[in-house]
Amino acid sequence: MQLNCGQSRWNKSICNKQASGDNNVSVIDTTTNTVTATVDTKDWPSGVAVKPDGTKVYVTNYSNGTVSVINTTNNTITAQAPVGSFPLGVAISPDGTKSIRDEQHS
């Protein structure tokens, strides 16, 4: 099982267990290494990135071709954007204004 994590400077990580079939991401307190919340994306999460200011996490959903946007204050999905077939990864620009994703098939 592969564990993908989006790192932040705020003692939190957002991780997914790729190919585990549980369709969620875990919020981990990096000071205690404990799971503090679980967010259900329902769509086979695969890639994770944290906005540089720590306010949002972007998670690619492989099975439905979307990216879920998670609010880190309350760990809820605030948006889901279509991005194309089978997205695998996502990255955020250093200034936090752009995201880019990759896909398995185009």
PDB file of N, CA and C in Angstrom:
ATOM      1  N   MET A   1       0.844  -1.167   0.000  1.00  0.00           N
ATOM      2  CA  MET A   1       0.000   0.000   0.000  1.00  0.00           C
ATOM      3  C   MET A   1       0.895   1.238   0.000  1.00  0.00           C
ATOM      4  N   GLN A   2       0.594   2.176  -0.860  1.00  0.00           N
ATOM      5  CA  GLN A   2       1.342   3.419  -0.942  1.00  0.00           C
ATOM      6  C   GLN A   2       0.605   4.494  -0.161  1.00  0.00           C
ATOM      7  N   LEU A   3       1.332   5.289   0.603  1.00  0.00           N
ATOM      8  CA  LEU A   3       0.745   6.384   1.361  1.00  0.00           C
ATOM      9  C   LEU A   3       1.225   7.689   0.757  1.00  0.00           C
ATOM     10  N   ASN A   4       0.297   8.485   0.224  1.00  0.00           N
ATOM     11  CA  ASN A   4       0.626   9.782  -0.363  1.00  0.00           C
ATOM     12  C   ASN A   4       0.239  10.866   0.620  1.00  0.00           C
ATOM     13  N   CYS A   5       1.146  11.791   0.886  1.00  0.00           N
ATOM     14  CA  CYS A   5       0.853  12.853   1.846  1.00  0.00           C
ATOM     15  C   CYS A   5       1.167  14.223   1.269  1.00  0.00           C
ATOM     16  N   GLY A   6       0.318  15.184   1.587  1.00  0.00           N
ATOM     17  CA  GLY A   6       0.586  16.579   1.302  1.00  0.00           C
ATOM     18  C   GLY A   6       1.090  17.208   2.578  1.00  0.00           C
ATOM     19  N   GLN A   7       2.270  17.753   2.562  1.00  0.00           N
ATOM     20  CA  GLN A   7       2.897  18.294   3.764  1.00  0.00           C
ATOM     21  C   GLN A   7       2.572  19.776   3.945  1.00  0.00           C
ATOM     22  N   SER A   8       2.555  20.221   5.180  1.00  0.00           N
ATOM     23  CA  SER A   8       2.393  21.640   5.456  1.00  0.00           C
ATOM     24  C   SER A   8       3.299  22.034   6.609  1.00  0.00           C
ATOM     25  N   ARG A   9       3.400  23.323   6.829  1.00  0.00           N
ATOM     26  CA  ARG A   9       4.214  23.836   7.933  1.00  0.00           C
ATOM     27  C   ARG A   9       3.423  23.942   9.222  1.00  0.00           C
ATOM     28  N   TRP A  10       2.182  23.546   9.226  1.00  0.00           N
ATOM     29  CA  TRP A  10       1.283  23.787  10.350  1.00  0.00           C
ATOM     30  C   TRP A  10       1.006  22.535  11.153  1.00  0.00           C
ATOM     31  N   ASN A  11       1.979  21.643  11.250  1.00  0.00           N
ATOM     32  CA  ASN A  11       1.870  20.410  12.020  1.00  0.00           C
ATOM     33  C   ASN A  11       0.688  19.552  11.608  1.00  0.00           C
ATOM     34  N   LYS A  12       0.368  19.569  10.316  1.00  0.00           N
ATOM     35  CA  LYS A  12      -0.677  18.717   9.768  1.00  0.00           C
ATOM     36  C   LYS A  12      -0.184  18.135   8.458  1.00  0.00           C
ATOM     37  N   SER A  13      -0.608  16.933   8.190  1.00  0.00           N
ATOM     38  CA  SER A  13      -0.428  16.326   6.878  1.00  0.00           C
ATOM     39  C   SER A  13      -1.770  15.765   6.461  1.00  0.00           C
ATOM     40  N   ILE A  14      -2.039  15.767   5.171  1.00  0.00           N
ATOM     41  CA  ILE A  14      -3.237  15.139   4.640  1.00  0.00           C
ATOM     42  C   ILE A  14      -2.758  13.974   3.805  1.00  0.00           C
ATOM     43  N   CYS A  15      -3.199  12.764   4.127  1.00  0.00           N
ATOM     44  CA  CYS A  15      -2.684  11.568   3.463  1.00  0.00           C
ATOM     45  C   CYS A  15      -3.813  10.708   2.932  1.00  0.00           C
ATOM     46  N   ASN A  16      -3.518   9.980   1.871  1.00  0.00           N
ATOM     47  CA  ASN A  16      -4.438   8.963   1.394  1.00  0.00           C
ATOM     48  C   ASN A  16      -3.693   7.656   1.234  1.00  0.00           C
ATOM     49  N   LYS A  17      -4.422   6.567   1.386  1.00  0.00           N
ATOM     50  CA  LYS A  17      -3.851   5.236   1.221  1.00  0.00           C
ATOM     51  C   LYS A  17      -4.226   4.762  -0.169  1.00  0.00           C
ATOM     52  N   GLN A  18      -3.357   5.001  -1.126  1.00  0.00           N
ATOM     53  CA  GLN A  18      -3.650   4.691  -2.524  1.00  0.00           C
ATOM     54  C   GLN A  18      -3.923   3.205  -2.686  1.00  0.00           C
ATOM     55  N   ALA A  19      -4.993   2.910  -3.414  1.00  0.00           N
ATOM     56  CA  ALA A  19      -5.419   1.550  -3.730  1.00  0.00           C
ATOM     57  C   ALA A  19      -5.937   0.796  -2.519  1.00  0.00           C
ATOM     58  N   SER A  20      -6.252   1.491  -1.437  1.00  0.00           N
ATOM     59  CA  SER A  20      -6.793   0.801  -0.273  1.00  0.00           C
ATOM     60  C   SER A  20      -8.285   0.587  -0.400  1.00  0.00           C
ATOM     61  N   GLY A  21      -8.949   1.353  -1.284  1.00  0.00           N
ATOM     62  CA  GLY A  21     -10.368   1.187  -1.501  1.00  0.00           C
ATOM     63  C   GLY A  21     -11.253   1.859  -0.475  1.00  0.00           C
ATOM     64  N   ASP A  22     -10.685   2.625   0.460  1.00  0.00           N
ATOM     65  CA  ASP A  22     -11.537   3.241   1.474  1.00  0.00           C
ATOM     66  C   ASP A  22     -11.997   4.645   1.097  1.00  0.00           C
ATOM     67  N   ASN A  23     -11.517   5.200  -0.013  1.00  0.00           N
ATOM     68  CA  ASN A  23     -12.001   6.465  -0.574  1.00  0.00           C
ATOM     69  C   ASN A  23     -11.949   7.656   0.373  1.00  0.00           C
ATOM     70  N   ASN A  24     -10.983   7.695   1.251  1.00  0.00           N
ATOM     71  CA  ASN A  24     -10.862   8.860   2.121  1.00  0.00           C
ATOM     72  C   ASN A  24      -9.413   9.275   2.277  1.00  0.00           C
ATOM     73  N   VAL A  25      -9.249  10.477   2.809  1.00  0.00           N
ATOM     74  CA  VAL A  25      -7.928  10.981   3.165  1.00  0.00           C
ATOM     75  C   VAL A  25      -7.912  11.217   4.667  1.00  0.00           C
ATOM     76  N   SER A  26      -6.752  11.080   5.250  1.00  0.00           N
ATOM     77  CA  SER A  26      -6.604  11.253   6.694  1.00  0.00           C
ATOM     78  C   SER A  26      -5.827  12.516   6.999  1.00  0.00           C
ATOM     79  N   VAL A  27      -6.272  13.248   8.003  1.00  0.00           N
ATOM     80  CA  VAL A  27      -5.551  14.408   8.511  1.00  0.00           C
ATOM     81  C   VAL A  27      -4.707  13.909   9.671  1.00  0.00           C
ATOM     82  N   ILE A  28      -3.399  14.145   9.591  1.00  0.00           N
ATOM     83  CA  ILE A  28      -2.477  13.645  10.604  1.00  0.00           C
ATOM     84  C   ILE A  28      -1.802  14.816  11.304  1.00  0.00           C
ATOM     85  N   ASP A  29      -1.853  14.828  12.637  1.00  0.00           N
ATOM     86  CA  ASP A  29      -1.116  15.806  13.433  1.00  0.00           C
ATOM     87  C   ASP A  29       0.329  15.330  13.464  1.00  0.00           C
ATOM     88  N   THR A  30       1.233  16.077  12.830  1.00  0.00           N
ATOM     89  CA  THR A  30       2.614  15.623  12.706  1.00  0.00           C
ATOM     90  C   THR A  30       3.425  15.767  13.992  1.00  0.00           C
ATOM     91  N   THR A  31       2.895  16.454  14.994  1.00  0.00           N
ATOM     92  CA  THR A  31       3.608  16.517  16.266  1.00  0.00           C
ATOM     93  C   THR A  31       3.363  15.266  17.095  1.00  0.00           C
ATOM     94  N   THR A  32       2.194  14.619  16.903  1.00  0.00           N
ATOM     95  CA  THR A  32       1.871  13.414  17.661  1.00  0.00           C
ATOM     96  C   THR A  32       1.760  12.175  16.780  1.00  0.00           C
ATOM     97  N   ASN A  33       1.793  12.385  15.453  1.00  0.00           N
ATOM     98  CA  ASN A  33       1.642  11.290  14.487  1.00  0.00           C
ATOM     99  C   ASN A  33       0.351  10.507  14.686  1.00  0.00           C
ATOM    100  N   THR A  34      -0.723  11.232  14.947  1.00  0.00           N
ATOM    101  CA  THR A  34      -2.031  10.602  15.102  1.00  0.00           C
ATOM    102  C   THR A  34      -3.011  11.178  14.087  1.00  0.00           C
ATOM    103  N   VAL A  35      -3.948  10.350  13.661  1.00  0.00           N
ATOM    104  CA  VAL A  35      -5.005  10.788  12.754  1.00  0.00           C
ATOM    105  C   VAL A  35      -6.013  11.610  13.565  1.00  0.00           C
ATOM    106  N   THR A  36      -6.258  12.838  13.110  1.00  0.00           N
ATOM    107  CA  THR A  36      -7.193  13.716  13.820  1.00  0.00           C
ATOM    108  C   THR A  36      -8.523  13.863  13.108  1.00  0.00           C
ATOM    109  N   ALA A  37      -8.576  13.500  11.822  1.00  0.00           N
ATOM    110  CA  ALA A  37      -9.824  13.573  11.061  1.00  0.00           C
ATOM    111  C   ALA A  37      -9.692  12.719   9.810  1.00  0.00           C
ATOM    112  N   THR A  38     -10.828  12.338   9.264  1.00  0.00           N
ATOM    113  CA  THR A  38     -10.885  11.613   7.998  1.00  0.00           C
ATOM    114  C   THR A  38     -11.890  12.320   7.109  1.00  0.00           C
ATOM    115  N   VAL A  39     -11.520  12.539   5.850  1.00  0.00           N
ATOM    116  CA  VAL A  39     -12.396  13.215   4.888  1.00  0.00           C
ATOM    117  C   VAL A  39     -12.712  12.226   3.768  1.00  0.00           C
ATOM    118  N   ASP A  40     -13.991  11.957   3.555  1.00  0.00           N
ATOM    119  CA  ASP A  40     -14.430  11.012   2.536  1.00  0.00           C
ATOM    120  C   ASP A  40     -14.580  11.724   1.198  1.00  0.00           C
ATOM    121  N   THR A  41     -13.744  11.360   0.221  1.00  0.00           N
ATOM    122  CA  THR A  41     -13.855  11.956  -1.108  1.00  0.00           C
ATOM    123  C   THR A  41     -14.748  11.136  -2.027  1.00  0.00           C
ATOM    124  N   LYS A  42     -15.045   9.898  -1.666  1.00  0.00           N
ATOM    125  CA  LYS A  42     -15.939   8.987  -2.387  1.00  0.00           C
ATOM    126  C   LYS A  42     -15.444   8.559  -3.770  1.00  0.00           C
ATOM    127  N   ASP A  43     -14.291   9.029  -4.202  1.00  0.00           N
ATOM    128  CA  ASP A  43     -13.903   8.812  -5.593  1.00  0.00           C
ATOM    129  C   ASP A  43     -12.458   8.397  -5.796  1.00  0.00           C
ATOM    130  N   TRP A  44     -11.932   7.506  -4.981  1.00  0.00           N
ATOM    131  CA  TRP A  44     -10.586   6.962  -5.088  1.00  0.00           C
ATOM    132  C   TRP A  44      -9.526   8.054  -5.152  1.00  0.00           C
ATOM    133  N   PRO A  45      -9.241   8.692  -4.015  1.00  0.00           N
ATOM    134  CA  PRO A  45      -8.224   9.744  -3.992  1.00  0.00           C
ATOM    135  C   PRO A  45      -6.850   9.185  -4.338  1.00  0.00           C
ATOM    136  N   SER A  46      -6.061   9.977  -5.084  1.00  0.00           N
ATOM    137  CA  SER A  46      -4.741   9.480  -5.459  1.00  0.00           C
ATOM    138  C   SER A  46      -3.619  10.473  -5.185  1.00  0.00           C
ATOM    139  N   GLY A  47      -3.776  11.740  -5.547  1.00  0.00           N
ATOM    140  CA  GLY A  47      -2.716  12.722  -5.320  1.00  0.00           C
ATOM    141  C   GLY A  47      -3.152  13.767  -4.307  1.00  0.00           C
ATOM    142  N   VAL A  48      -2.192  14.325  -3.585  1.00  0.00           N
ATOM    143  CA  VAL A  48      -2.491  15.298  -2.538  1.00  0.00           C
ATOM    144  C   VAL A  48      -1.498  16.459  -2.599  1.00  0.00           C
ATOM    145  N   ALA A  49      -1.995  17.693  -2.464  1.00  0.00           N
ATOM    146  CA  ALA A  49      -1.126  18.874  -2.371  1.00  0.00           C
ATOM    147  C   ALA A  49      -1.751  19.868  -1.408  1.00  0.00           C
ATOM    148  N   VAL A  50      -0.911  20.569  -0.661  1.00  0.00           N
ATOM    149  CA  VAL A  50      -1.362  21.570   0.301  1.00  0.00           C
ATOM    150  C   VAL A  50      -1.021  22.958  -0.227  1.00  0.00           C
ATOM    151  N   LYS A  51      -1.993  23.869  -0.199  1.00  0.00           N
ATOM    152  CA  LYS A  51      -1.747  25.260  -0.584  1.00  0.00           C
ATOM    153  C   LYS A  51      -0.694  25.834   0.367  1.00  0.00           C
ATOM    154  N   PRO A  52       0.251  26.631  -0.127  1.00  0.00           N
ATOM    155  CA  PRO A  52       1.343  27.123   0.715  1.00  0.00           C
ATOM    156  C   PRO A  52       0.910  27.821   2.010  1.00  0.00           C
ATOM    157  N   ASP A  53      -0.242  28.484   2.007  1.00  0.00           N
ATOM    158  CA  ASP A  53      -0.678  29.144   3.242  1.00  0.00           C
ATOM    159  C   ASP A  53      -1.414  28.198   4.190  1.00  0.00           C
ATOM    160  N   GLY A  54      -1.578  26.932   3.784  1.00  0.00           N
ATOM    161  CA  GLY A  54      -2.166  25.919   4.647  1.00  0.00           C
ATOM    162  C   GLY A  54      -3.684  25.930   4.738  1.00  0.00           C
ATOM    163  N   THR A  55      -4.361  26.776   3.971  1.00  0.00           N
ATOM    164  CA  THR A  55      -5.806  26.903   4.102  1.00  0.00           C
ATOM    165  C   THR A  55      -6.594  25.865   3.329  1.00  0.00           C
ATOM    166  N   LYS A  56      -5.995  25.293   2.277  1.00  0.00           N
ATOM    167  CA  LYS A  56      -6.708  24.335   1.436  1.00  0.00           C
ATOM    168  C   LYS A  56      -5.802  23.169   1.065  1.00  0.00           C
ATOM    169  N   VAL A  57      -6.448  22.029   0.861  1.00  0.00           N
ATOM    170  CA  VAL A  57      -5.764  20.836   0.372  1.00  0.00           C
ATOM    171  C   VAL A  57      -6.485  20.396  -0.888  1.00  0.00           C
ATOM    172  N   TYR A  58      -5.726  20.012  -1.908  1.00  0.00           N
ATOM    173  CA  TYR A  58      -6.273  19.567  -3.178  1.00  0.00           C
ATOM    174  C   TYR A  58      -5.992  18.073  -3.321  1.00  0.00           C
ATOM    175  N   VAL A  59      -7.042  17.305  -3.615  1.00  0.00           N
ATOM    176  CA  VAL A  59      -6.926  15.854  -3.723  1.00  0.00           C
ATOM    177  C   VAL A  59      -7.485  15.407  -5.068  1.00  0.00           C
ATOM    178  N   THR A  60      -6.665  14.734  -5.880  1.00  0.00           N
ATOM    179  CA  THR A  60      -7.176  14.207  -7.147  1.00  0.00           C
ATOM    180  C   THR A  60      -7.998  12.957  -6.871  1.00  0.00           C
ATOM    181  N   ASN A  61      -9.113  12.838  -7.596  1.00  0.00           N
ATOM    182  CA  ASN A  61     -10.007  11.683  -7.479  1.00  0.00           C
ATOM    183  C   ASN A  61      -9.948  10.892  -8.771  1.00  0.00           C
ATOM    184  N   TYR A  62      -9.233   9.792  -8.729  1.00  0.00           N
ATOM    185  CA  TYR A  62      -8.914   9.000  -9.913  1.00  0.00           C
ATOM    186  C   TYR A  62     -10.160   8.499 -10.647  1.00  0.00           C
ATOM    187  N   SER A  63     -11.147   8.009  -9.916  1.00  0.00           N
ATOM    188  CA  SER A  63     -12.264   7.326 -10.581  1.00  0.00           C
ATOM    189  C   SER A  63     -13.257   8.244 -11.271  1.00  0.00           C
ATOM    190  N   ASN A  64     -13.336   9.524 -10.870  1.00  0.00           N
ATOM    191  CA  ASN A  64     -14.315  10.394 -11.535  1.00  0.00           C
ATOM    192  C   ASN A  64     -13.704  11.623 -12.208  1.00  0.00           C
ATOM    193  N   GLY A  65     -12.384  11.716 -12.260  1.00  0.00           N
ATOM    194  CA  GLY A  65     -11.729  12.800 -12.982  1.00  0.00           C
ATOM    195  C   GLY A  65     -11.930  14.175 -12.382  1.00  0.00           C
ATOM    196  N   THR A  66     -11.873  14.259 -11.064  1.00  0.00           N
ATOM    197  CA  THR A  66     -12.050  15.544 -10.390  1.00  0.00           C
ATOM    198  C   THR A  66     -10.923  15.796  -9.401  1.00  0.00           C
ATOM    199  N   VAL A  67     -10.875  17.043  -8.906  1.00  0.00           N
ATOM    200  CA  VAL A  67     -10.028  17.411  -7.780  1.00  0.00           C
ATOM    201  C   VAL A  67     -10.950  17.949  -6.690  1.00  0.00           C
ATOM    202  N   SER A  68     -10.854  17.371  -5.500  1.00  0.00           N
ATOM    203  CA  SER A  68     -11.605  17.877  -4.352  1.00  0.00           C
ATOM    204  C   SER A  68     -10.776  18.931  -3.637  1.00  0.00           C
ATOM    205  N   VAL A  69     -11.437  19.996  -3.214  1.00  0.00           N
ATOM    206  CA  VAL A  69     -10.787  21.067  -2.450  1.00  0.00           C
ATOM    207  C   VAL A  69     -11.268  20.930  -1.008  1.00  0.00           C
ATOM    208  N   ILE A  70     -10.322  20.743  -0.087  1.00  0.00           N
ATOM    209  CA  ILE A  70     -10.655  20.557   1.327  1.00  0.00           C
ATOM    210  C   ILE A  70     -10.249  21.793   2.108  1.00  0.00           C
ATOM    211  N   ASN A  71     -11.177  22.338   2.888  1.00  0.00           N
ATOM    212  CA  ASN A  71     -10.920  23.446   3.797  1.00  0.00           C
ATOM    213  C   ASN A  71     -10.235  22.858   5.029  1.00  0.00           C
ATOM    214  N   THR A  72      -9.033  23.331   5.356  1.00  0.00           N
ATOM    215  CA  THR A  72      -8.282  22.748   6.469  1.00  0.00           C
ATOM    216  C   THR A  72      -8.753  23.224   7.836  1.00  0.00           C
ATOM    217  N   THR A  73      -9.584  24.260   7.868  1.00  0.00           N
ATOM    218  CA  THR A  73     -10.105  24.728   9.151  1.00  0.00           C
ATOM    219  C   THR A  73     -11.104  23.729   9.736  1.00  0.00           C
ATOM    220  N   ASN A  74     -11.986  23.211   8.863  1.00  0.00           N
ATOM    221  CA  ASN A  74     -13.015  22.291   9.350  1.00  0.00           C
ATOM    222  C   ASN A  74     -12.978  20.925   8.661  1.00  0.00           C
ATOM    223  N   ASN A  75     -11.974  20.693   7.815  1.00  0.00           N
ATOM    224  CA  ASN A  75     -11.778  19.408   7.137  1.00  0.00           C
ATOM    225  C   ASN A  75     -13.008  18.955   6.348  1.00  0.00           C
ATOM    226  N   THR A  76     -13.581  19.887   5.584  1.00  0.00           N
ATOM    227  CA  THR A  76     -14.719  19.567   4.731  1.00  0.00           C
ATOM    228  C   THR A  76     -14.377  19.882   3.280  1.00  0.00           C
ATOM    229  N   ILE A  77     -15.028  19.172   2.373  1.00  0.00           N
ATOM    230  CA  ILE A  77     -14.852  19.432   0.947  1.00  0.00           C
ATOM    231  C   ILE A  77     -15.709  20.636   0.586  1.00  0.00           C
ATOM    232  N   THR A  78     -15.054  21.668   0.041  1.00  0.00           N
ATOM    233  CA  THR A  78     -15.766  22.897  -0.318  1.00  0.00           C
ATOM    234  C   THR A  78     -16.033  23.012  -1.808  1.00  0.00           C
ATOM    235  N   ALA A  79     -15.325  22.221  -2.620  1.00  0.00           N
ATOM    236  CA  ALA A  79     -15.522  22.257  -4.066  1.00  0.00           C
ATOM    237  C   ALA A  79     -14.984  20.967  -4.659  1.00  0.00           C
ATOM    238  N   GLN A  80     -15.498  20.642  -5.851  1.00  0.00           N
ATOM    239  CA  GLN A  80     -14.975  19.518  -6.610  1.00  0.00           C
ATOM    240  C   GLN A  80     -14.964  19.943  -8.070  1.00  0.00           C
ATOM    241  N   ALA A  81     -13.765  20.035  -8.652  1.00  0.00           N
ATOM    242  CA  ALA A  81     -13.607  20.549 -10.014  1.00  0.00           C
ATOM    243  C   ALA A  81     -13.265  19.427 -10.987  1.00  0.00           C
ATOM    244  N   PRO A  82     -13.939  19.369 -12.143  1.00  0.00           N
ATOM    245  CA  PRO A  82     -13.571  18.380 -13.161  1.00  0.00           C
ATOM    246  C   PRO A  82     -12.230  18.747 -13.792  1.00  0.00           C
ATOM    247  N   VAL A  83     -11.351  17.739 -13.963  1.00  0.00           N
ATOM    248  CA  VAL A  83     -10.017  18.010 -14.509  1.00  0.00           C
ATOM    249  C   VAL A  83      -9.609  17.070 -15.630  1.00  0.00           C
ATOM    250  N   GLY A  84     -10.422  16.098 -15.972  1.00  0.00           N
ATOM    251  CA  GLY A  84     -10.060  15.167 -17.031  1.00  0.00           C
ATOM    252  C   GLY A  84      -9.894  13.757 -16.508  1.00  0.00           C
ATOM    253  N   SER A  85      -9.627  12.851 -17.415  1.00  0.00           N
ATOM    254  CA  SER A  85      -9.592  11.422 -17.105  1.00  0.00           C
ATOM    255  C   SER A  85      -8.454  11.016 -16.188  1.00  0.00           C
ATOM    256  N   PHE A  86      -8.778  10.241 -15.188  1.00  0.00           N
ATOM    257  CA  PHE A  86      -7.826   9.535 -14.325  1.00  0.00           C
ATOM    258  C   PHE A  86      -6.690  10.395 -13.763  1.00  0.00           C
ATOM    259  N   PRO A  87      -6.999  11.484 -13.063  1.00  0.00           N
ATOM    260  CA  PRO A  87      -5.924  12.300 -12.493  1.00  0.00           C
ATOM    261  C   PRO A  87      -5.184  11.532 -11.401  1.00  0.00           C
ATOM    262  N   LEU A  88      -3.870  11.629 -11.409  1.00  0.00           N
ATOM    263  CA  LEU A  88      -3.052  10.908 -10.436  1.00  0.00           C
ATOM    264  C   LEU A  88      -2.399  11.821  -9.408  1.00  0.00           C
ATOM    265  N   GLY A  89      -1.898  12.966  -9.827  1.00  0.00           N
ATOM    266  CA  GLY A  89      -1.169  13.838  -8.915  1.00  0.00           C
ATOM    267  C   GLY A  89      -1.599  15.271  -9.074  1.00  0.00           C
ATOM    268  N   VAL A  90      -1.223  16.076  -8.104  1.00  0.00           N
ATOM    269  CA  VAL A  90      -1.539  17.499  -8.132  1.00  0.00           C
ATOM    270  C   VAL A  90      -0.407  18.250  -7.442  1.00  0.00           C
ATOM    271  N   ALA A  91      -0.126  19.451  -7.911  1.00  0.00           N
ATOM    272  CA  ALA A  91       0.884  20.310  -7.298  1.00  0.00           C
ATOM    273  C   ALA A  91       0.338  21.731  -7.272  1.00  0.00           C
ATOM    274  N   ILE A  92       0.805  22.513  -6.319  1.00  0.00           N
ATOM    275  CA  ILE A  92       0.378  23.904  -6.161  1.00  0.00           C
ATOM    276  C   ILE A  92       1.594  24.797  -6.385  1.00  0.00           C
ATOM    277  N   SER A  93       1.389  25.908  -7.119  1.00  0.00           N
ATOM    278  CA  SER A  93       2.493  26.848  -7.336  1.00  0.00           C
ATOM    279  C   SER A  93       2.928  27.458  -6.003  1.00  0.00           C
ATOM    280  N   PRO A  94       4.184  27.877  -5.898  1.00  0.00           N
ATOM    281  CA  PRO A  94       4.686  28.448  -4.646  1.00  0.00           C
ATOM    282  C   PRO A  94       3.873  29.635  -4.126  1.00  0.00           C
ATOM    283  N   ASP A  95       3.275  30.409  -5.043  1.00  0.00           N
ATOM    284  CA  ASP A  95       2.473  31.549  -4.579  1.00  0.00           C
ATOM    285  C   ASP A  95       1.024  31.154  -4.298  1.00  0.00           C
ATOM    286  N   GLY A  96       0.665  29.878  -4.526  1.00  0.00           N
ATOM    287  CA  GLY A  96      -0.666  29.380  -4.199  1.00  0.00           C
ATOM    288  C   GLY A  96      -1.768  29.764  -5.159  1.00  0.00           C
ATOM    289  N   THR A  97      -1.419  30.344  -6.310  1.00  0.00           N
ATOM    290  CA  THR A  97      -2.456  30.826  -7.224  1.00  0.00           C
ATOM    291  C   THR A  97      -2.819  29.827  -8.324  1.00  0.00           C
ATOM    292  N   LYS A  98      -2.012  28.781  -8.505  1.00  0.00           N
ATOM    293  CA  LYS A  98      -2.286  27.832  -9.580  1.00  0.00           C
ATOM    294  C   LYS A  98      -2.052  26.413  -9.077  1.00  0.00           C
ATOM    295  N   SER A  99      -2.813  25.484  -9.672  1.00  0.00           N
ATOM    296  CA  SER A  99      -2.548  24.068  -9.424  1.00  0.00           C
ATOM    297  C   SER A  99      -2.364  23.383 -10.769  1.00  0.00           C
ATOM    298  N   ILE A 100      -1.639  22.302 -10.751  1.00  0.00           N
ATOM    299  CA  ILE A 100      -1.432  21.516 -11.954  1.00  0.00           C
ATOM    300  C   ILE A 100      -1.605  20.052 -11.567  1.00  0.00           C
ATOM    301  N   ARG A 101      -2.168  19.280 -12.458  1.00  0.00           N
ATOM    302  CA  ARG A 101      -2.366  17.861 -12.167  1.00  0.00           C
ATOM    303  C   ARG A 101      -1.851  17.044 -13.335  1.00  0.00           C
ATOM    304  N   ASP A 102      -1.583  15.758 -13.067  1.00  0.00           N
ATOM    305  CA  ASP A 102      -1.205  14.859 -14.143  1.00  0.00           C
ATOM    306  C   ASP A 102      -2.265  13.787 -14.241  1.00  0.00           C
ATOM    307  N   GLU A 103      -2.270  13.079 -15.368  1.00  0.00           N
ATOM    308  CA  GLU A 103      -3.270  12.037 -15.558  1.00  0.00           C
ATOM    309  C   GLU A 103      -2.632  10.819 -16.213  1.00  0.00           C
ATOM    310  N   GLN A 104      -3.293   9.678 -16.006  1.00  0.00           N
ATOM    311  CA  GLN A 104      -2.780   8.440 -16.555  1.00  0.00           C
ATOM    312  C   GLN A 104      -3.046   8.354 -18.052  1.00  0.00           C
ATOM    313  N   HIS A 105      -4.231   8.783 -18.484  1.00  0.00           N
ATOM    314  CA  HIS A 105      -4.601   8.739 -19.905  1.00  0.00           C
ATOM    315  C   HIS A 105      -5.096  10.104 -20.306  1.00  0.00           C
ATOM    316  N   SER A 106      -4.853  10.481 -21.547  1.00  0.00           N
ATOM    317  CA  SER A 106      -5.414  11.747 -22.008  1.00  0.00           C
ATOM    318  C   SER A 106      -6.272  11.534 -23.225  1.00  0.00           C
TER     319      SER A 106
END
